[in-house]
Amino acid sequence: NNEKNRNKLRKKAFILLNIYVILIIILYIIYY
């Protein structure tokens, strides 16, 4: 219910997704 905590979790989710995307791109390069 706390909006401050929600924003903090949303920000961390974005950061984690960005990390996943970077890892996937690196793996694509390795595969090619």
All heavy atoms as atom14 arrays in JSON, in Angstrom:
{
  "sequence": "NNEKNRNKLRKKAFILLNIYVILIIILYIIYY",
  "atom14_mask": [
    [1, 1, 1, 1, 1, 1, 1, 1, 0, 0, 0, 0, 0, 0],
    [1, 1, 1, 1, 1, 1, 1, 1, 0, 0, 0, 0, 0, 0],
    [1, 1, 1, 1, 1, 1, 1, 1, 1, 0, 0, 0, 0, 0],
    [1, 1, 1, 1, 1, 1, 1, 1, 1, 0, 0, 0, 0, 0],
    [1, 1, 1, 1, 1, 1, 1, 1, 0, 0, 0, 0, 0, 0],
    [1, 1, 1, 1, 1, 1, 1, 1, 1, 1, 1, 0, 0, 0],
    [1, 1, 1, 1, 1, 1, 1, 1, 0, 0, 0, 0, 0, 0],
    [1, 1, 1, 1, 1, 1, 1, 1, 1, 0, 0, 0, 0, 0],
    [1, 1, 1, 1, 1, 1, 1, 1, 0, 0, 0, 0, 0, 0],
    [1, 1, 1, 1, 1, 1, 1, 1, 1, 1, 1, 0, 0, 0],
    [1, 1, 1, 1, 1, 1, 1, 1, 1, 0, 0, 0, 0, 0],
    [1, 1, 1, 1, 1, 1, 1, 1, 1, 0, 0, 0, 0, 0],
    [1, 1, 1, 1, 1, 0, 0, 0, 0, 0, 0, 0, 0, 0],
    [1, 1, 1, 1, 1, 1, 1, 1, 1, 1, 1, 0, 0, 0],
    [1, 1, 1, 1, 1, 1, 1, 1, 0, 0, 0, 0, 0, 0],
    [1, 1, 1, 1, 1, 1, 1, 1, 0, 0, 0, 0, 0, 0],
    [1, 1, 1, 1, 1, 1, 1, 1, 0, 0, 0, 0, 0, 0],
    [1, 1, 1, 1, 1, 1, 1, 1, 0, 0, 0, 0, 0, 0],
    [1, 1, 1, 1, 1, 1, 1, 1, 0, 0, 0, 0, 0, 0],
    [1, 1, 1, 1, 1, 1, 1, 1, 1, 1, 1, 1, 0, 0],
    [1, 1, 1, 1, 1, 1, 1, 0, 0, 0, 0, 0, 0, 0],
    [1, 1, 1, 1, 1, 1, 1, 1, 0, 0, 0, 0, 0, 0],
    [1, 1, 1, 1, 1, 1, 1, 1, 0, 0, 0, 0, 0, 0],
    [1, 1, 1, 1, 1, 1, 1, 1, 0, 0, 0, 0, 0, 0],
    [1, 1, 1, 1, 1, 1, 1, 1, 0, 0, 0, 0, 0, 0],
    [1, 1, 1, 1, 1, 1, 1, 1, 0, 0, 0, 0, 0, 0],
    [1, 1, 1, 1, 1, 1, 1, 1, 0, 0, 0, 0, 0, 0],
    [1, 1, 1, 1, 1, 1, 1, 1, 1, 1, 1, 1, 0, 0],
    [1, 1, 1, 1, 1, 1, 1, 1, 0, 0, 0, 0, 0, 0],
    [1, 1, 1, 1, 1, 1, 1, 1, 0, 0, 0, 0, 0, 0],
    [1, 1, 1, 1, 1, 1, 1, 1, 1, 1, 1, 1, 0, 0],
    [1, 1, 1, 1, 1, 1, 1, 1, 1, 1, 1, 1, 0, 0]
  ],
  "atom14_positions": [
    [[0.81, -1.23, 0.0], [0.0, 0.0, 0.0], [0.84, 1.28, 0.0], [0.37, 2.33, -0.41], [-0.93, 0.0, 1.23], [-1.95, -1.13, 1.17], [-2.46, -1.45, 0.11], [-2.22, -1.74, 2.32], [0.0, 0.0, 0.0], [0.0, 0.0, 0.0], [0.0, 0.0, 0.0], [0.0, 0.0, 0.0], [0.0, 0.0, 0.0], [0.0, 0.0, 0.0]],
    [[2.08, 1.18, 0.46], [2.94, 2.35, 0.56], [3.48, 2.71, -0.83], [4.21, 1.93, -1.45], [4.09, 2.06, 1.54], [4.9, 3.31, 1.85], [5.45, 3.93, 0.94], [4.98, 3.66, 3.11], [0.0, 0.0, 0.0], [0.0, 0.0, 0.0], [0.0, 0.0, 0.0], [0.0, 0.0, 0.0], [0.0, 0.0, 0.0], [0.0, 0.0, 0.0]],
    [[3.13, 3.92, -1.32], [3.52, 4.33, -2.68], [5.03, 4.48, -2.82], [5.6, 4.2, -3.88], [2.82, 5.65, -3.03], [2.95, 6.04, -4.5], [2.36, 5.01, -5.45], [1.37, 4.35, -5.09], [2.92, 4.85, -6.56], [0.0, 0.0, 0.0], [0.0, 0.0, 0.0], [0.0, 0.0, 0.0], [0.0, 0.0, 0.0], [0.0, 0.0, 0.0]],
    [[5.69, 4.91, -1.75], [7.15, 5.07, -1.78], [7.81, 3.71, -1.98], [8.75, 3.59, -2.79], [7.63, 5.7, -0.47], [9.12, 6.01, -0.46], [9.52, 6.69, 0.85], [11.02, 6.98, 0.86], [11.43, 7.63, 2.15], [0.0, 0.0, 0.0], [0.0, 0.0, 0.0], [0.0, 0.0, 0.0], [0.0, 0.0, 0.0], [0.0, 0.0, 0.0]],
    [[7.34, 2.71, -1.27], [7.88, 1.36, -1.43], [7.57, 0.79, -2.81], [8.39, 0.09, -3.41], [7.32, 0.42, -0.35], [7.87, 0.72, 1.02], [8.94, 1.32, 1.16], [7.15, 0.32, 2.06], [0.0, 0.0, 0.0], [0.0, 0.0, 0.0], [0.0, 0.0, 0.0], [0.0, 0.0, 0.0], [0.0, 0.0, 0.0], [0.0, 0.0, 0.0]],
    [[6.39, 1.1, -3.33], [6.0, 0.63, -4.67], [6.94, 1.2, -5.72], [7.4, 0.48, -6.62], [4.55, 1.03, -4.97], [3.5, 0.23, -4.22], [2.09, 0.73, -4.55], [1.83, 0.65, -5.97], [1.45, -0.47, -6.59], [1.26, -1.57, -5.91], [1.23, -0.46, -7.89], [0.0, 0.0, 0.0], [0.0, 0.0, 0.0], [0.0, 0.0, 0.0]],
    [[7.23, 2.5, -5.63], [8.13, 3.14, -6.58], [9.54, 2.56, -6.49], [10.22, 2.38, -7.51], [8.18, 4.65, -6.33], [6.89, 5.34, -6.73], [6.16, 4.87, -7.62], [6.58, 6.45, -6.09], [0.0, 0.0, 0.0], [0.0, 0.0, 0.0], [0.0, 0.0, 0.0], [0.0, 0.0, 0.0], [0.0, 0.0, 0.0], [0.0, 0.0, 0.0]],
    [[9.97, 2.25, -5.27], [11.3, 1.68, -5.06], [11.39, 0.29, -5.7], [12.37, -0.04, -6.37], [11.59, 1.59, -3.56], [13.04, 1.24, -3.22], [13.24, 1.12, -1.71], [13.03, 2.45, -1.03], [13.31, 2.36, 0.44], [0.0, 0.0, 0.0], [0.0, 0.0, 0.0], [0.0, 0.0, 0.0], [0.0, 0.0, 0.0], [0.0, 0.0, 0.0]],
    [[10.34, -0.52, -5.5], [10.31, -1.87, -6.08], [10.23, -1.81, -7.61], [10.87, -2.6, -8.3], [9.12, -2.65, -5.53], [9.23, -3.11, -4.07], [7.89, -3.65, -3.58], [10.31, -4.16, -3.9], [0.0, 0.0, 0.0], [0.0, 0.0, 0.0], [0.0, 0.0, 0.0], [0.0, 0.0, 0.0], [0.0, 0.0, 0.0], [0.0, 0.0, 0.0]],
    [[9.44, -0.85, -8.13], [9.32, -0.7, -9.58], [10.67, -0.33, -10.2], [11.06, -0.87, -11.24], [8.28, 0.38, -9.91], [7.97, 0.49, -11.41], [6.97, 1.59, -11.7], [5.67, 1.31, -11.11], [5.13, 2.01, -10.11], [5.8, 3.03, -9.57], [3.94, 1.71, -9.64], [0.0, 0.0, 0.0], [0.0, 0.0, 0.0], [0.0, 0.0, 0.0]],
    [[11.38, 0.57, -9.54], [12.7, 0.98, -10.03], [13.66, -0.2, -10.04], [14.42, -0.4, -11.0], [13.24, 2.1, -9.13], [14.58, 2.66, -9.6], [15.03, 3.8, -8.71], [16.38, 4.34, -9.17], [16.85, 5.45, -8.29], [0.0, 0.0, 0.0], [0.0, 0.0, 0.0], [0.0, 0.0, 0.0], [0.0, 0.0, 0.0], [0.0, 0.0, 0.0]],
    [[13.64, -1.01, -8.98], [14.53, -2.17, -8.91], [14.16, -3.2, -9.96], [15.04, -3.88, -10.52], [14.47, -2.79, -7.51], [15.16, -1.94, -6.44], [15.1, -2.6, -5.08], [15.85, -1.76, -4.04], [15.81, -2.36, -2.69], [0.0, 0.0, 0.0], [0.0, 0.0, 0.0], [0.0, 0.0, 0.0], [0.0, 0.0, 0.0], [0.0, 0.0, 0.0]],
    [[12.85, -3.32, -10.27], [12.41, -4.24, -11.31], [12.94, -3.8, -12.67], [13.37, -4.64, -13.48], [10.88, -4.31, -11.32], [0.0, 0.0, 0.0], [0.0, 0.0, 0.0], [0.0, 0.0, 0.0], [0.0, 0.0, 0.0], [0.0, 0.0, 0.0], [0.0, 0.0, 0.0], [0.0, 0.0, 0.0], [0.0, 0.0, 0.0], [0.0, 0.0, 0.0]],
    [[12.9, -2.5, -12.94], [13.45, -1.96, -14.2], [14.95, -2.25, -14.29], [15.45, -2.66, -15.34], [13.22, -0.45, -14.29], [11.92, -0.07, -14.93], [10.98, 0.68, -14.25], [11.63, -0.47, -16.23], [9.77, 1.03, -14.83], [10.43, -0.12, -16.83], [9.5, 0.64, -16.13], [0.0, 0.0, 0.0], [0.0, 0.0, 0.0], [0.0, 0.0, 0.0]],
    [[15.66, -2.03, -13.19], [17.11, -2.26, -13.17], [17.41, -3.73, -13.45], [18.3, -4.06, -14.25], [17.71, -1.84, -11.8], [17.65, -0.32, -11.65], [19.17, -2.33, -11.68], [18.0, 0.17, -10.26], [0.0, 0.0, 0.0], [0.0, 0.0, 0.0], [0.0, 0.0, 0.0], [0.0, 0.0, 0.0], [0.0, 0.0, 0.0], [0.0, 0.0, 0.0]],
    [[16.66, -4.62, -12.79], [16.89, -6.05, -12.99], [16.58, -6.47, -14.43], [17.33, -7.25, -15.02], [16.02, -6.86, -12.02], [16.21, -8.38, -12.02], [17.67, -8.74, -11.73], [15.29, -9.05, -11.02], [0.0, 0.0, 0.0], [0.0, 0.0, 0.0], [0.0, 0.0, 0.0], [0.0, 0.0, 0.0], [0.0, 0.0, 0.0], [0.0, 0.0, 0.0]],
    [[15.51, -5.94, -15.01], [15.18, -6.26, -16.4], [16.28, -5.76, -17.34], [16.65, -6.45, -18.29], [13.84, -5.65, -16.79], [13.36, -5.93, -18.22], [13.3, -7.43, -18.49], [12.0, -5.3, -18.48], [0.0, 0.0, 0.0], [0.0, 0.0, 0.0], [0.0, 0.0, 0.0], [0.0, 0.0, 0.0], [0.0, 0.0, 0.0], [0.0, 0.0, 0.0]],
    [[16.82, -4.57, -17.06], [17.94, -4.05, -17.86], [19.15, -4.98, -17.79], [19.82, -5.22, -18.8], [18.33, -2.66, -17.37], [17.3, -1.6, -17.7], [16.49, -1.77, -18.61], [17.28, -0.51, -16.96], [0.0, 0.0, 0.0], [0.0, 0.0, 0.0], [0.0, 0.0, 0.0], [0.0, 0.0, 0.0], [0.0, 0.0, 0.0], [0.0, 0.0, 0.0]],
    [[19.41, -5.51, -16.59], [20.53, -6.45, -16.42], [20.28, -7.72, -17.23], [21.18, -8.22, -17.92], [20.73, -6.79, -14.93], [21.23, -5.57, -14.16], [21.72, -7.97, -14.76], [21.24, -5.74, -12.65], [0.0, 0.0, 0.0], [0.0, 0.0, 0.0], [0.0, 0.0, 0.0], [0.0, 0.0, 0.0], [0.0, 0.0, 0.0], [0.0, 0.0, 0.0]],
    [[19.04, -8.22, -17.19], [18.69, -9.41, -17.98], [18.9, -9.15, -19.47], [19.42, -10.01, -20.18], [17.22, -9.79, -17.74], [16.95, -10.46, -16.41], [15.66, -10.48, -15.88], [17.95, -11.1, -15.69], [15.39, -11.11, -14.67], [17.69, -11.72, -14.48], [16.41, -11.72, -13.97], [16.13, -12.35, -12.78], [0.0, 0.0, 0.0], [0.0, 0.0, 0.0]],
    [[18.46, -7.99, -19.93], [18.6, -7.65, -21.35], [20.07, -7.62, -21.75], [20.46, -8.16, -22.8], [17.93, -6.29, -21.65], [18.27, -5.83, -23.07], [16.41, -6.39, -21.49], [0.0, 0.0, 0.0], [0.0, 0.0, 0.0], [0.0, 0.0, 0.0], [0.0, 0.0, 0.0], [0.0, 0.0, 0.0], [0.0, 0.0, 0.0], [0.0, 0.0, 0.0]],
    [[20.9, -7.01, -20.93], [22.35, -6.95, -21.21], [22.94, -8.36, -21.27], [23.73, -8.68, -22.17], [23.07, -6.1, -20.15], [22.67, -4.63, -20.28], [24.6, -6.24, -20.28], [23.1, -3.76, -19.12], [0.0, 0.0, 0.0], [0.0, 0.0, 0.0], [0.0, 0.0, 0.0], [0.0, 0.0, 0.0], [0.0, 0.0, 0.0], [0.0, 0.0, 0.0]],
    [[22.56, -9.21, -20.3], [23.07, -10.59, -20.29], [22.63, -11.35, -21.53], [23.43, -12.1, -22.12], [22.56, -11.31, -19.03], [23.2, -10.91, -17.7], [22.49, -11.59, -16.54], [24.68, -11.27, -17.68], [0.0, 0.0, 0.0], [0.0, 0.0, 0.0], [0.0, 0.0, 0.0], [0.0, 0.0, 0.0], [0.0, 0.0, 0.0], [0.0, 0.0, 0.0]],
    [[21.38, -11.16, -21.95], [20.88, -11.84, -23.14], [21.62, -11.38, -24.39], [21.98, -12.19, -25.25], [19.35, -11.61, -23.29], [18.59, -12.36, -22.2], [18.86, -12.07, -24.67], [17.11, -12.01, -22.1], [0.0, 0.0, 0.0], [0.0, 0.0, 0.0], [0.0, 0.0, 0.0], [0.0, 0.0, 0.0], [0.0, 0.0, 0.0], [0.0, 0.0, 0.0]],
    [[21.89, -10.08, -24.49], [22.64, -9.54, -25.64], [24.04, -10.13, -25.68], [24.54, -10.53, -26.75], [22.7, -8.0, -25.57], [21.31, -7.41, -25.83], [23.7, -7.45, -26.6], [21.21, -5.92, -25.57], [0.0, 0.0, 0.0], [0.0, 0.0, 0.0], [0.0, 0.0, 0.0], [0.0, 0.0, 0.0], [0.0, 0.0, 0.0], [0.0, 0.0, 0.0]],
    [[24.7, -10.2, -24.52], [26.04, -10.79, -24.44], [26.01, -12.25, -24.87], [26.88, -12.71, -25.63], [26.61, -10.66, -23.0], [26.9, -9.19, -22.68], [27.9, -11.49, -22.85], [27.23, -8.94, -21.21], [0.0, 0.0, 0.0], [0.0, 0.0, 0.0], [0.0, 0.0, 0.0], [0.0, 0.0, 0.0], [0.0, 0.0, 0.0], [0.0, 0.0, 0.0]],
    [[25.0, -12.99, -24.41], [24.86, -14.39, -24.79], [24.6, -14.56, -26.28], [25.1, -15.5, -26.91], [23.72, -15.04, -23.98], [24.01, -15.29, -22.5], [22.74, -15.64, -21.75], [25.05, -16.39, -22.33], [0.0, 0.0, 0.0], [0.0, 0.0, 0.0], [0.0, 0.0, 0.0], [0.0, 0.0, 0.0], [0.0, 0.0, 0.0], [0.0, 0.0, 0.0]],
    [[23.81, -13.63, -26.87], [23.59, -13.65, -28.32], [24.91, -13.5, -29.07], [25.18, -14.21, -30.05], [22.64, -12.53, -28.74], [21.19, -12.94, -28.79], [20.27, -12.38, -27.91], [20.73, -13.87, -29.71], [18.94, -12.75, -27.94], [19.41, -14.24, -29.76], [18.51, -13.68, -28.86], [17.2, -14.05, -28.9], [0.0, 0.0, 0.0], [0.0, 0.0, 0.0]],
    [[25.73, -12.57, -28.63], [27.04, -12.34, -29.27], [27.91, -13.59, -29.16], [28.56, -14.01, -30.14], [27.74, -11.12, -28.63], [26.95, -9.84, -28.92], [29.18, -11.0, -29.15], [27.42, -8.64, -28.13], [0.0, 0.0, 0.0], [0.0, 0.0, 0.0], [0.0, 0.0, 0.0], [0.0, 0.0, 0.0], [0.0, 0.0, 0.0], [0.0, 0.0, 0.0]],
    [[27.92, -14.19, -27.97], [28.7, -15.42, -27.76], [28.2, -16.53, -28.67], [29.0, -17.27, -29.26], [28.62, -15.86, -26.28], [29.34, -14.85, -25.38], [29.24, -17.25, -26.09], [29.15, -15.09, -23.9], [0.0, 0.0, 0.0], [0.0, 0.0, 0.0], [0.0, 0.0, 0.0], [0.0, 0.0, 0.0], [0.0, 0.0, 0.0], [0.0, 0.0, 0.0]],
    [[26.87, -16.63, -28.8], [26.32, -17.69, -29.64], [26.7, -17.49, -31.11], [27.07, -18.45, -31.79], [24.79, -17.74, -29.53], [24.18, -18.77, -30.44], [24.21, -20.12, -30.09], [23.62, -18.41, -31.66], [23.68, -21.09, -30.95], [23.1, -19.37, -32.52], [23.14, -20.7, -32.15], [22.63, -21.66, -33.01], [0.0, 0.0, 0.0], [0.0, 0.0, 0.0]],
    [[26.62, -16.26, -31.61], [26.95, -15.99, -33.0], [28.43, -16.28, -33.29], [28.79, -16.63, -34.41], [26.62, -14.55, -33.36], [25.2, -14.36, -33.82], [24.27, -13.67, -33.03], [24.76, -14.91, -35.03], [22.96, -13.51, -33.44], [23.45, -14.74, -35.45], [22.55, -14.05, -34.65], [21.24, -13.91, -35.06], [0.0, 0.0, 0.0], [0.0, 0.0, 0.0]]
  ]
}
